[in-house]
PDB file of N, CA and C in Angstrom:
ATOM      1  N   UNK A   1     -24.786 -27.335  22.370  1.00  0.00           N
ATOM      2  CA  UNK A   1     -24.563 -25.911  22.370  1.00  0.00           C
ATOM      3  C   UNK A   1     -23.075 -25.593  22.463  1.00  0.00           C
ATOM      4  N   UNK A   2     -22.362 -26.388  23.228  1.00  0.00           N
ATOM      5  CA  UNK A   2     -20.934 -26.144  23.397  1.00  0.00           C
ATOM      6  C   UNK A   2     -20.187 -26.351  22.080  1.00  0.00           C
ATOM      7  N   UNK A   3     -20.590 -27.354  21.293  1.00  0.00           N
ATOM      8  CA  UNK A   3     -19.967 -27.592  19.986  1.00  0.00           C
ATOM      9  C   UNK A   3     -20.188 -26.403  19.062  1.00  0.00           C
ATOM     10  N   UNK A   4     -21.399 -25.853  19.109  1.00  0.00           N
ATOM     11  CA  UNK A   4     -21.717 -24.711  18.261  1.00  0.00           C
ATOM     12  C   UNK A   4     -20.842 -23.512  18.601  1.00  0.00           C
ATOM     13  N   UNK A   5     -20.664 -23.226  19.872  1.00  0.00           N
ATOM     14  CA  UNK A   5     -19.839 -22.093  20.303  1.00  0.00           C
ATOM     15  C   UNK A   5     -18.385 -22.313  19.889  1.00  0.00           C
ATOM     16  N   UNK A   6     -17.896 -23.523  20.054  1.00  0.00           N
ATOM     17  CA  UNK A   6     -16.519 -23.828  19.648  1.00  0.00           C
ATOM     18  C   UNK A   6     -16.350 -23.673  18.137  1.00  0.00           C
ATOM     19  N   UNK A   7     -17.313 -24.176  17.383  1.00  0.00           N
ATOM     20  CA  UNK A   7     -17.258 -24.073  15.926  1.00  0.00           C
ATOM     21  C   UNK A   7     -17.329 -22.607  15.503  1.00  0.00           C
ATOM     22  N   UNK A   8     -18.218 -21.841  16.103  1.00  0.00           N
ATOM     23  CA  UNK A   8     -18.370 -20.420  15.794  1.00  0.00           C
ATOM     24  C   UNK A   8     -17.073 -19.663  16.079  1.00  0.00           C
ATOM     25  N   UNK A   9     -16.450 -19.939  17.214  1.00  0.00           N
ATOM     26  CA  UNK A   9     -15.196 -19.282  17.578  1.00  0.00           C
ATOM     27  C   UNK A   9     -14.094 -19.643  16.588  1.00  0.00           C
ATOM     28  N   UNK A  10     -14.013 -20.891  16.198  1.00  0.00           N
ATOM     29  CA  UNK A  10     -13.012 -21.334  15.232  1.00  0.00           C
ATOM     30  C   UNK A  10     -13.200 -20.628  13.889  1.00  0.00           C
ATOM     31  N   UNK A  11     -14.436 -20.511  13.441  1.00  0.00           N
ATOM     32  CA  UNK A  11     -14.724 -19.831  12.176  1.00  0.00           C
ATOM     33  C   UNK A  11     -14.309 -18.363  12.264  1.00  0.00           C
ATOM     34  N   UNK A  12     -14.590 -17.697  13.368  1.00  0.00           N
ATOM     35  CA  UNK A  12     -14.221 -16.292  13.540  1.00  0.00           C
ATOM     36  C   UNK A  12     -12.700 -16.114  13.527  1.00  0.00           C
ATOM     37  N   UNK A  13     -11.992 -17.004  14.168  1.00  0.00           N
ATOM     38  CA  UNK A  13     -10.530 -16.943  14.172  1.00  0.00           C
ATOM     39  C   UNK A  13      -9.981 -17.134  12.759  1.00  0.00           C
ATOM     40  N   UNK A  14     -10.555 -18.068  12.013  1.00  0.00           N
ATOM     41  CA  UNK A  14     -10.125 -18.297  10.624  1.00  0.00           C
ATOM     42  C   UNK A  14     -10.372 -17.067   9.762  1.00  0.00           C
ATOM     43  N   UNK A  15     -11.499 -16.418   9.945  1.00  0.00           N
ATOM     44  CA  UNK A  15     -11.801 -15.208   9.167  1.00  0.00           C
ATOM     45  C   UNK A  15     -10.806 -14.099   9.476  1.00  0.00           C
ATOM     46  N   UNK A  16     -10.479 -13.905  10.731  1.00  0.00           N
ATOM     47  CA  UNK A  16      -9.514 -12.871  11.116  1.00  0.00           C
ATOM     48  C   UNK A  16      -8.134 -13.189  10.548  1.00  0.00           C
ATOM     49  N   UNK A  17      -7.703 -14.424  10.634  1.00  0.00           N
ATOM     50  CA  UNK A  17      -6.398 -14.820  10.087  1.00  0.00           C
ATOM     51  C   UNK A  17      -6.372 -14.617   8.580  1.00  0.00           C
ATOM     52  N   UNK A  18      -7.449 -14.991   7.886  1.00  0.00           N
ATOM     53  CA  UNK A  18      -7.542 -14.790   6.443  1.00  0.00           C
ATOM     54  C   UNK A  18      -7.470 -13.307   6.088  1.00  0.00           C
ATOM     55  N   UNK A  19      -8.148 -12.464   6.846  1.00  0.00           N
ATOM     56  CA  UNK A  19      -8.142 -11.024   6.586  1.00  0.00           C
ATOM     57  C   UNK A  19      -6.739 -10.441   6.763  1.00  0.00           C
ATOM     58  N   UNK A  20      -6.046 -10.847   7.795  1.00  0.00           N
ATOM     59  CA  UNK A  20      -4.692 -10.335   8.040  1.00  0.00           C
ATOM     60  C   UNK A  20      -3.739 -10.790   6.939  1.00  0.00           C
ATOM     61  N   UNK A  21      -3.796 -12.051   6.581  1.00  0.00           N
ATOM     62  CA  UNK A  21      -2.917 -12.570   5.522  1.00  0.00           C
ATOM     63  C   UNK A  21      -3.228 -11.883   4.194  1.00  0.00           C
ATOM     64  N   UNK A  22      -4.495 -11.692   3.879  1.00  0.00           N
ATOM     65  CA  UNK A  22      -4.874 -11.013   2.631  1.00  0.00           C
ATOM     66  C   UNK A  22      -4.358  -9.590   2.607  1.00  0.00           C
ATOM     67  N   UNK A  23      -4.463  -8.896   3.729  1.00  0.00           N
ATOM     68  CA  UNK A  23      -3.984  -7.512   3.803  1.00  0.00           C
ATOM     69  C   UNK A  23      -2.480  -7.445   3.554  1.00  0.00           C
ATOM     70  N   UNK A  24      -1.730  -8.321   4.172  1.00  0.00           N
ATOM     71  CA  UNK A  24      -0.273  -8.306   4.028  1.00  0.00           C
ATOM     72  C   UNK A  24       0.138  -8.653   2.600  1.00  0.00           C
ATOM     73  N   UNK A  25      -0.522  -9.620   1.988  1.00  0.00           N
ATOM     74  CA  UNK A  25      -0.166 -10.042   0.634  1.00  0.00           C
ATOM     75  C   UNK A  25      -0.623  -9.029  -0.403  1.00  0.00           C
ATOM     76  N   UNK A  26      -1.806  -8.488  -0.261  1.00  0.00           N
ATOM     77  CA  UNK A  26      -2.377  -7.632  -1.294  1.00  0.00           C
ATOM     78  C   UNK A  26      -2.006  -6.158  -1.150  1.00  0.00           C
ATOM     79  N   UNK A  27      -1.531  -5.738   0.004  1.00  0.00           N
ATOM     80  CA  UNK A  27      -1.178  -4.335   0.193  1.00  0.00           C
ATOM     81  C   UNK A  27       0.177  -4.073  -0.445  1.00  0.00           C
ATOM     82  N   UNK A  28       0.185  -3.346  -1.544  1.00  0.00           N
ATOM     83  CA  UNK A  28       1.395  -3.139  -2.336  1.00  0.00           C
ATOM     84  C   UNK A  28       2.269  -2.008  -1.809  1.00  0.00           C
ATOM     85  N   UNK A  29       1.777  -1.259  -0.848  1.00  0.00           N
ATOM     86  CA  UNK A  29       2.580  -0.134  -0.354  1.00  0.00           C
ATOM     87  C   UNK A  29       3.886  -0.602   0.263  1.00  0.00           C
ATOM     88  N   UNK A  30       3.884  -1.763   0.875  1.00  0.00           N
ATOM     89  CA  UNK A  30       5.084  -2.234   1.550  1.00  0.00           C
ATOM     90  C   UNK A  30       6.056  -2.928   0.607  1.00  0.00           C
ATOM     91  N   UNK A  31       5.604  -3.295  -0.570  1.00  0.00           N
ATOM     92  CA  UNK A  31       6.471  -3.965  -1.531  1.00  0.00           C
ATOM     93  C   UNK A  31       6.980  -3.013  -2.598  1.00  0.00           C
ATOM     94  N   UNK A  32       6.459  -1.820  -2.641  1.00  0.00           N
ATOM     95  CA  UNK A  32       6.777  -0.871  -3.698  1.00  0.00           C
ATOM     96  C   UNK A  32       8.166  -0.293  -3.459  1.00  0.00           C
ATOM     97  N   UNK A  33       9.065  -0.481  -4.410  1.00  0.00           N
ATOM     98  CA  UNK A  33      10.395   0.110  -4.338  1.00  0.00           C
ATOM     99  C   UNK A  33      10.475   1.164  -5.424  1.00  0.00           C
ATOM    100  N   UNK A  34      10.424   2.421  -5.033  1.00  0.00           N
ATOM    101  CA  UNK A  34      10.364   3.485  -6.015  1.00  0.00           C
ATOM    102  C   UNK A  34      11.716   3.855  -6.597  1.00  0.00           C
ATOM    103  N   UNK A  35      12.787   3.564  -5.952  1.00  0.00           N
ATOM    104  CA  UNK A  35      14.095   3.872  -6.507  1.00  0.00           C
ATOM    105  C   UNK A  35      14.370   5.365  -6.528  1.00  0.00           C
ATOM    106  N   UNK A  36      15.428   5.738  -7.237  1.00  0.00           N
ATOM    107  CA  UNK A  36      15.836   7.138  -7.234  1.00  0.00           C
ATOM    108  C   UNK A  36      15.530   7.853  -8.547  1.00  0.00           C
ATOM    109  N   UNK A  37      15.304   7.141  -9.630  1.00  0.00           N
ATOM    110  CA  UNK A  37      15.024   7.756 -10.928  1.00  0.00           C
ATOM    111  C   UNK A  37      13.554   7.580 -11.287  1.00  0.00           C
ATOM    112  N   UNK A  38      13.004   8.629 -11.889  1.00  0.00           N
ATOM    113  CA  UNK A  38      11.605   8.572 -12.321  1.00  0.00           C
ATOM    114  C   UNK A  38      11.529   7.720 -13.586  1.00  0.00           C
ATOM    115  N   UNK A  39      10.691   6.699 -13.614  1.00  0.00           N
ATOM    116  CA  UNK A  39      10.588   5.830 -14.790  1.00  0.00           C
ATOM    117  C   UNK A  39      10.013   6.570 -16.003  1.00  0.00           C
ATOM    118  N   UNK A  40      10.263   6.043 -17.171  1.00  0.00           N
ATOM    119  CA  UNK A  40       9.750   6.621 -18.409  1.00  0.00           C
ATOM    120  C   UNK A  40       8.225   6.549 -18.417  1.00  0.00           C
ATOM    121  N   UNK A  41       7.585   7.569 -18.969  1.00  0.00           N
ATOM    122  CA  UNK A  41       6.138   7.590 -19.080  1.00  0.00           C
ATOM    123  C   UNK A  41       5.450   8.313 -17.941  1.00  0.00           C
ATOM    124  N   UNK A  42       6.183   8.733 -16.925  1.00  0.00           N
ATOM    125  CA  UNK A  42       5.602   9.436 -15.795  1.00  0.00           C
ATOM    126  C   UNK A  42       5.741  10.937 -15.991  1.00  0.00           C
ATOM    127  N   UNK A  43       4.663  11.661 -15.680  1.00  0.00           N
ATOM    128  CA  UNK A  43       4.650  13.113 -15.813  1.00  0.00           C
ATOM    129  C   UNK A  43       4.659  13.755 -14.438  1.00  0.00           C
ATOM    130  N   UNK A  44       5.411  14.841 -14.304  1.00  0.00           N
ATOM    131  CA  UNK A  44       5.498  15.566 -13.040  1.00  0.00           C
ATOM    132  C   UNK A  44       4.173  16.275 -12.775  1.00  0.00           C
ATOM    133  N   UNK A  45       3.697  16.192 -11.531  1.00  0.00           N
ATOM    134  CA  UNK A  45       2.475  16.896 -11.140  1.00  0.00           C
ATOM    135  C   UNK A  45       2.846  18.025 -10.188  1.00  0.00           C
ATOM    136  N   UNK A  46       1.875  18.857  -9.844  1.00  0.00           N
ATOM    137  CA  UNK A  46       2.095  19.943  -8.883  1.00  0.00           C
ATOM    138  C   UNK A  46       1.956  19.462  -7.440  1.00  0.00           C
ATOM    139  N   UNK A  47       1.630  18.196  -7.274  1.00  0.00           N
ATOM    140  CA  UNK A  47       1.367  17.660  -5.941  1.00  0.00           C
ATOM    141  C   UNK A  47       2.659  17.301  -5.222  1.00  0.00           C
ATOM    142  N   UNK A  48       2.782  17.790  -4.000  1.00  0.00           N
ATOM    143  CA  UNK A  48       3.905  17.439  -3.125  1.00  0.00           C
ATOM    144  C   UNK A  48       3.302  16.979  -1.806  1.00  0.00           C
ATOM    145  N   UNK A  49       3.803  15.878  -1.300  1.00  0.00           N
ATOM    146  CA  UNK A  49       3.290  15.350  -0.038  1.00  0.00           C
ATOM    147  C   UNK A  49       4.452  15.177   0.936  1.00  0.00           C
ATOM    148  N   UNK A  50       4.163  15.234   2.203  1.00  0.00           N
ATOM    149  CA  UNK A  50       5.165  15.021   3.251  1.00  0.00           C
ATOM    150  C   UNK A  50       5.002  13.596   3.769  1.00  0.00           C
ATOM    151  N   UNK A  51       6.093  12.832   3.695  1.00  0.00           N
ATOM    152  CA  UNK A  51       6.055  11.459   4.192  1.00  0.00           C
ATOM    153  C   UNK A  51       5.945  11.490   5.717  1.00  0.00           C
ATOM    154  N   UNK A  52       4.873  10.923   6.285  1.00  0.00           N
ATOM    155  CA  UNK A  52       4.692  10.987   7.742  1.00  0.00           C
ATOM    156  C   UNK A  52       5.723  10.169   8.520  1.00  0.00           C
ATOM    157  N   UNK A  53       6.380   9.226   7.871  1.00  0.00           N
ATOM    158  CA  UNK A  53       7.354   8.390   8.585  1.00  0.00           C
ATOM    159  C   UNK A  53       8.681   9.099   8.798  1.00  0.00           C
ATOM    160  N   UNK A  54       9.125   9.872   7.792  1.00  0.00           N
ATOM    161  CA  UNK A  54      10.448  10.482   7.921  1.00  0.00           C
ATOM    162  C   UNK A  54      10.446  11.988   7.686  1.00  0.00           C
ATOM    163  N   UNK A  55       9.290  12.586   7.339  1.00  0.00           N
ATOM    164  CA  UNK A  55       9.182  14.030   7.176  1.00  0.00           C
ATOM    165  C   UNK A  55       9.751  14.568   5.875  1.00  0.00           C
ATOM    166  N   UNK A  56      10.097  13.701   4.934  1.00  0.00           N
ATOM    167  CA  UNK A  56      10.682  14.150   3.664  1.00  0.00           C
ATOM    168  C   UNK A  56       9.584  14.598   2.701  1.00  0.00           C
ATOM    169  N   UNK A  57       9.917  15.585   1.876  1.00  0.00           N
ATOM    170  CA  UNK A  57       8.994  16.067   0.854  1.00  0.00           C
ATOM    171  C   UNK A  57       9.079  15.141  -0.353  1.00  0.00           C
ATOM    172  N   UNK A  58       7.930  14.664  -0.806  1.00  0.00           N
ATOM    173  CA  UNK A  58       7.877  13.742  -1.934  1.00  0.00           C
ATOM    174  C   UNK A  58       7.070  14.366  -3.075  1.00  0.00           C
ATOM    175  N   UNK A  59       7.672  14.450  -4.267  1.00  0.00           N
ATOM    176  CA  UNK A  59       6.988  14.934  -5.467  1.00  0.00           C
ATOM    177  C   UNK A  59       6.234  13.764  -6.082  1.00  0.00           C
ATOM    178  N   UNK A  60       5.025  14.020  -6.556  1.00  0.00           N
ATOM    179  CA  UNK A  60       4.198  12.973  -7.144  1.00  0.00           C
ATOM    180  C   UNK A  60       4.311  13.044  -8.664  1.00  0.00           C
ATOM    181  N   UNK A  61       4.586  11.906  -9.276  1.00  0.00           N
ATOM    182  CA  UNK A  61       4.599  11.756 -10.731  1.00  0.00           C
ATOM    183  C   UNK A  61       3.459  10.818 -11.098  1.00  0.00           C
ATOM    184  N   UNK A  62       2.878  11.031 -12.272  1.00  0.00           N
ATOM    185  CA  UNK A  62       1.683  10.297 -12.665  1.00  0.00           C
ATOM    186  C   UNK A  62       1.874   9.715 -14.059  1.00  0.00           C
ATOM    187  N   UNK A  63       1.479   8.457 -14.229  1.00  0.00           N
ATOM    188  CA  UNK A  63       1.524   7.820 -15.540  1.00  0.00           C
ATOM    189  C   UNK A  63       0.093   7.798 -16.085  1.00  0.00           C
ATOM    190  N   UNK A  64      -0.195   8.616 -17.108  1.00  0.00           N
ATOM    191  CA  UNK A  64      -1.571   8.683 -17.608  1.00  0.00           C
ATOM    192  C   UNK A  64      -2.038   7.397 -18.288  1.00  0.00           C
ATOM    193  N   UNK A  65      -1.127   6.566 -18.742  1.00  0.00           N
ATOM    194  CA  UNK A  65      -1.517   5.320 -19.408  1.00  0.00           C
ATOM    195  C   UNK A  65      -2.026   4.268 -18.425  1.00  0.00           C
ATOM    196  N   UNK A  66      -1.368   4.174 -17.267  1.00  0.00           N
ATOM    197  CA  UNK A  66      -1.733   3.134 -16.303  1.00  0.00           C
ATOM    198  C   UNK A  66      -2.442   3.677 -15.070  1.00  0.00           C
ATOM    199  N   UNK A  67      -2.341   4.984 -14.822  1.00  0.00           N
ATOM    200  CA  UNK A  67      -2.923   5.571 -13.617  1.00  0.00           C
ATOM    201  C   UNK A  67      -2.044   5.411 -12.394  1.00  0.00           C
ATOM    202  N   UNK A  68      -0.879   4.832 -12.573  1.00  0.00           N
ATOM    203  CA  UNK A  68       0.037   4.594 -11.455  1.00  0.00           C
ATOM    204  C   UNK A  68       0.683   5.897 -11.011  1.00  0.00           C
ATOM    205  N   UNK A  69       0.954   5.985  -9.717  1.00  0.00           N
ATOM    206  CA  UNK A  69       1.632   7.155  -9.150  1.00  0.00           C
ATOM    207  C   UNK A  69       3.011   6.736  -8.675  1.00  0.00           C
ATOM    208  N   UNK A  70       3.952   7.682  -8.779  1.00  0.00           N
ATOM    209  CA  UNK A  70       5.333   7.444  -8.390  1.00  0.00           C
ATOM    210  C   UNK A  70       5.747   8.585  -7.478  1.00  0.00           C
ATOM    211  N   UNK A  71       6.368   8.279  -6.340  1.00  0.00           N
ATOM    212  CA  UNK A  71       6.773   9.292  -5.381  1.00  0.00           C
ATOM    213  C   UNK A  71       8.289   9.405  -5.397  1.00  0.00           C
ATOM    214  N   UNK A  72       8.769  10.628  -5.632  1.00  0.00           N
ATOM    215  CA  UNK A  72      10.211  10.874  -5.718  1.00  0.00           C
ATOM    216  C   UNK A  72      10.571  11.956  -4.705  1.00  0.00           C
ATOM    217  N   UNK A  73      11.642  11.720  -3.955  1.00  0.00           N
ATOM    218  CA  UNK A  73      12.035  12.674  -2.912  1.00  0.00           C
ATOM    219  C   UNK A  73      12.492  13.994  -3.520  1.00  0.00           C
ATOM    220  N   UNK A  74      11.947  15.097  -3.001  1.00  0.00           N
ATOM    221  CA  UNK A  74      12.353  16.430  -3.424  1.00  0.00           C
ATOM    222  C   UNK A  74      13.629  16.806  -2.682  1.00  0.00           C
ATOM    223  N   UNK A  75      14.535  17.445  -3.378  1.00  0.00           N
ATOM    224  CA  UNK A  75      15.777  17.899  -2.731  1.00  0.00           C
ATOM    225  C   UNK A  75      15.829  19.401  -2.656  1.00  0.00           C
TER     226      UNK A  75
END
């Protein structure tokens, strides 16, 4: 019984570590560098959002070909 509990605990720890590593690698929000110029192919939308980290107003641009969104700081 003790071996089973140890094995079960080890498997649970591995699953949690795998989930954390997958989240960090696959989450593109932290790797996205939007820069200062809007790339070609993006259309301006009416959507404006407030960045919760710094309180800046961000205009949303949309690329209809890829579905990608681009956030540009409003001045």
